[in-house]
Amino acid sequence: MADERYRGGGTIGGKWGCALAAVVGLPLLGLAILVSALGDCIPEEPCNHDLEWSLILGALVISLAVGVAIRALINRFVERGAGDS
């Protein structure tokens, strides 16, 4: 009889990639928000809000790249290790 119980979704690489993307991305996003909050405009000068969005977008791109790279790297190691036995 087949065991049809749910055993959790995702691969080990996906779980580690997501965790490390959060570890890298949350401080970067916090820093981007802090920099944008501290960089308020003075009344005499026009404001440039493009910088804060580029910082947030950069933090998201970096965390996405870390997550995808770690996922692929760990899944490759697991597949290579499973193929040896």
C-alpha atoms as a PDB file:
ATOM      1  CA  MET A   1       0.000   0.000   0.000  1.00  0.00           C
ATOM      2  CA  ALA A   2       1.367   3.392  -0.941  1.00  0.00           C
ATOM      3  CA  ASP A   3       2.090   5.935   1.752  1.00  0.00           C
ATOM      4  CA  GLU A   4       0.190   9.026   0.630  1.00  0.00           C
ATOM      5  CA  ARG A   5       0.812  11.277   3.647  1.00  0.00           C
ATOM      6  CA  TYR A   6       2.008  14.805   3.022  1.00  0.00           C
ATOM      7  CA  ARG A   7       5.738  15.088   3.681  1.00  0.00           C
ATOM      8  CA  GLY A   8       6.273  18.803   3.054  1.00  0.00           C
ATOM      9  CA  GLY A   9       6.858  20.605  -0.182  1.00  0.00           C
ATOM     10  CA  GLY A  10       9.924  21.985  -1.836  1.00  0.00           C
ATOM     11  CA  THR A  11      13.484  20.803  -2.074  1.00  0.00           C
ATOM     12  CA  ILE A  12      16.182  21.193   0.533  1.00  0.00           C
ATOM     13  CA  GLY A  13      17.879  23.712  -1.760  1.00  0.00           C
ATOM     14  CA  GLY A  14      14.685  25.724  -2.052  1.00  0.00           C
ATOM     15  CA  LYS A  15      14.282  25.857   1.712  1.00  0.00           C
ATOM     16  CA  TRP A  16      17.896  26.944   2.278  1.00  0.00           C
ATOM     17  CA  GLY A  17      17.716  29.418  -0.607  1.00  0.00           C
ATOM     18  CA  CYS A  18      14.595  31.020   0.791  1.00  0.00           C
ATOM     19  CA  ALA A  19      16.062  31.218   4.284  1.00  0.00           C
ATOM     20  CA  LEU A  20      19.320  32.778   3.115  1.00  0.00           C
ATOM     21  CA  ALA A  21      17.495  35.205   0.832  1.00  0.00           C
ATOM     22  CA  ALA A  22      15.515  36.363   3.862  1.00  0.00           C
ATOM     23  CA  VAL A  23      18.686  36.615   5.985  1.00  0.00           C
ATOM     24  CA  VAL A  24      20.347  38.760   3.312  1.00  0.00           C
ATOM     25  CA  GLY A  25      17.286  40.649   2.075  1.00  0.00           C
ATOM     26  CA  LEU A  26      15.679  41.791   5.314  1.00  0.00           C
ATOM     27  CA  PRO A  27      18.711  43.764   6.573  1.00  0.00           C
ATOM     28  CA  LEU A  28      19.240  45.241   3.094  1.00  0.00           C
ATOM     29  CA  LEU A  29      15.609  46.344   2.886  1.00  0.00           C
ATOM     30  CA  GLY A  30      15.805  47.734   6.422  1.00  0.00           C
ATOM     31  CA  LEU A  31      18.923  49.676   5.504  1.00  0.00           C
ATOM     32  CA  ALA A  32      17.270  51.014   2.333  1.00  0.00           C
ATOM     33  CA  ILE A  33      14.244  52.173   4.323  1.00  0.00           C
ATOM     34  CA  LEU A  34      16.497  53.758   6.954  1.00  0.00           C
ATOM     35  CA  VAL A  35      18.539  55.607   4.332  1.00  0.00           C
ATOM     36  CA  SER A  36      15.390  56.849   2.621  1.00  0.00           C
ATOM     37  CA  ALA A  37      13.899  58.004   5.948  1.00  0.00           C
ATOM     38  CA  LEU A  38      17.069  59.822   6.994  1.00  0.00           C
ATOM     39  CA  GLY A  39      17.466  61.422   3.578  1.00  0.00           C
ATOM     40  CA  ASP A  40      14.466  63.737   3.847  1.00  0.00           C
ATOM     41  CA  CYS A  41      14.397  66.745   1.573  1.00  0.00           C
ATOM     42  CA  ILE A  42      15.048  70.284   2.710  1.00  0.00           C
ATOM     43  CA  PRO A  43      12.401  72.872   1.855  1.00  0.00           C
ATOM     44  CA  GLU A  44      14.543  74.918  -0.546  1.00  0.00           C
ATOM     45  CA  GLU A  45      15.650  72.003  -2.760  1.00  0.00           C
ATOM     46  CA  PRO A  46      13.572  69.707  -4.975  1.00  0.00           C
ATOM     47  CA  CYS A  47      13.270  66.137  -3.698  1.00  0.00           C
ATOM     48  CA  ASN A  48      14.651  63.138  -5.530  1.00  0.00           C
ATOM     49  CA  HIS A  49      12.655  60.059  -4.515  1.00  0.00           C
ATOM     50  CA  ASP A  50      14.137  57.883  -7.252  1.00  0.00           C
ATOM     51  CA  LEU A  51      17.082  56.995  -5.005  1.00  0.00           C
ATOM     52  CA  GLU A  52      14.962  55.269  -2.358  1.00  0.00           C
ATOM     53  CA  TRP A  53      13.156  53.131  -4.937  1.00  0.00           C
ATOM     54  CA  SER A  54      16.427  52.163  -6.582  1.00  0.00           C
ATOM     55  CA  LEU A  55      17.814  51.133  -3.165  1.00  0.00           C
ATOM     56  CA  ILE A  56      14.746  49.000  -2.468  1.00  0.00           C
ATOM     57  CA  LEU A  57      14.846  47.475  -5.949  1.00  0.00           C
ATOM     58  CA  GLY A  58      18.568  46.763  -5.554  1.00  0.00           C
ATOM     59  CA  ALA A  59      17.974  45.031  -2.211  1.00  0.00           C
ATOM     60  CA  LEU A  60      15.232  42.893  -3.744  1.00  0.00           C
ATOM     61  CA  VAL A  61      17.394  41.945  -6.726  1.00  0.00           C
ATOM     62  CA  ILE A  62      20.325  40.991  -4.466  1.00  0.00           C
ATOM     63  CA  SER A  63      18.156  38.845  -2.189  1.00  0.00           C
ATOM     64  CA  LEU A  64      16.511  37.163  -5.197  1.00  0.00           C
ATOM     65  CA  ALA A  65      19.912  36.403  -6.714  1.00  0.00           C
ATOM     66  CA  VAL A  66      21.166  34.941  -3.417  1.00  0.00           C
ATOM     67  CA  GLY A  67      18.070  32.762  -3.050  1.00  0.00           C
ATOM     68  CA  VAL A  68      18.176  31.406  -6.596  1.00  0.00           C
ATOM     69  CA  ALA A  69      21.941  30.807  -6.521  1.00  0.00           C
ATOM     70  CA  ILE A  70      21.880  28.980  -3.174  1.00  0.00           C
ATOM     71  CA  ARG A  71      18.882  26.900  -4.281  1.00  0.00           C
ATOM     72  CA  ALA A  72      20.615  25.822  -7.488  1.00  0.00           C
ATOM     73  CA  LEU A  73      23.927  25.144  -5.747  1.00  0.00           C
ATOM     74  CA  ILE A  74      22.472  22.998  -2.965  1.00  0.00           C
ATOM     75  CA  ASN A  75      20.159  21.098  -5.319  1.00  0.00           C
ATOM     76  CA  ARG A  76      23.140  20.347  -7.571  1.00  0.00           C
ATOM     77  CA  PHE A  77      25.134  19.021  -4.605  1.00  0.00           C
ATOM     78  CA  VAL A  78      22.201  16.885  -3.426  1.00  0.00           C
ATOM     79  CA  GLU A  79      21.610  15.446  -6.918  1.00  0.00           C
ATOM     80  CA  ARG A  80      25.287  14.747  -7.388  1.00  0.00           C
ATOM     81  CA  GLY A  81      25.459  13.052  -3.974  1.00  0.00           C
ATOM     82  CA  ALA A  82      22.332  10.978  -4.677  1.00  0.00           C
ATOM     83  CA  GLY A  83      23.770   9.842  -8.024  1.00  0.00           C
ATOM     84  CA  ASP A  84      26.922   8.457  -6.351  1.00  0.00           C
ATOM     85  CA  SER A  85      25.106   5.854  -4.248  1.00  0.00           C
END
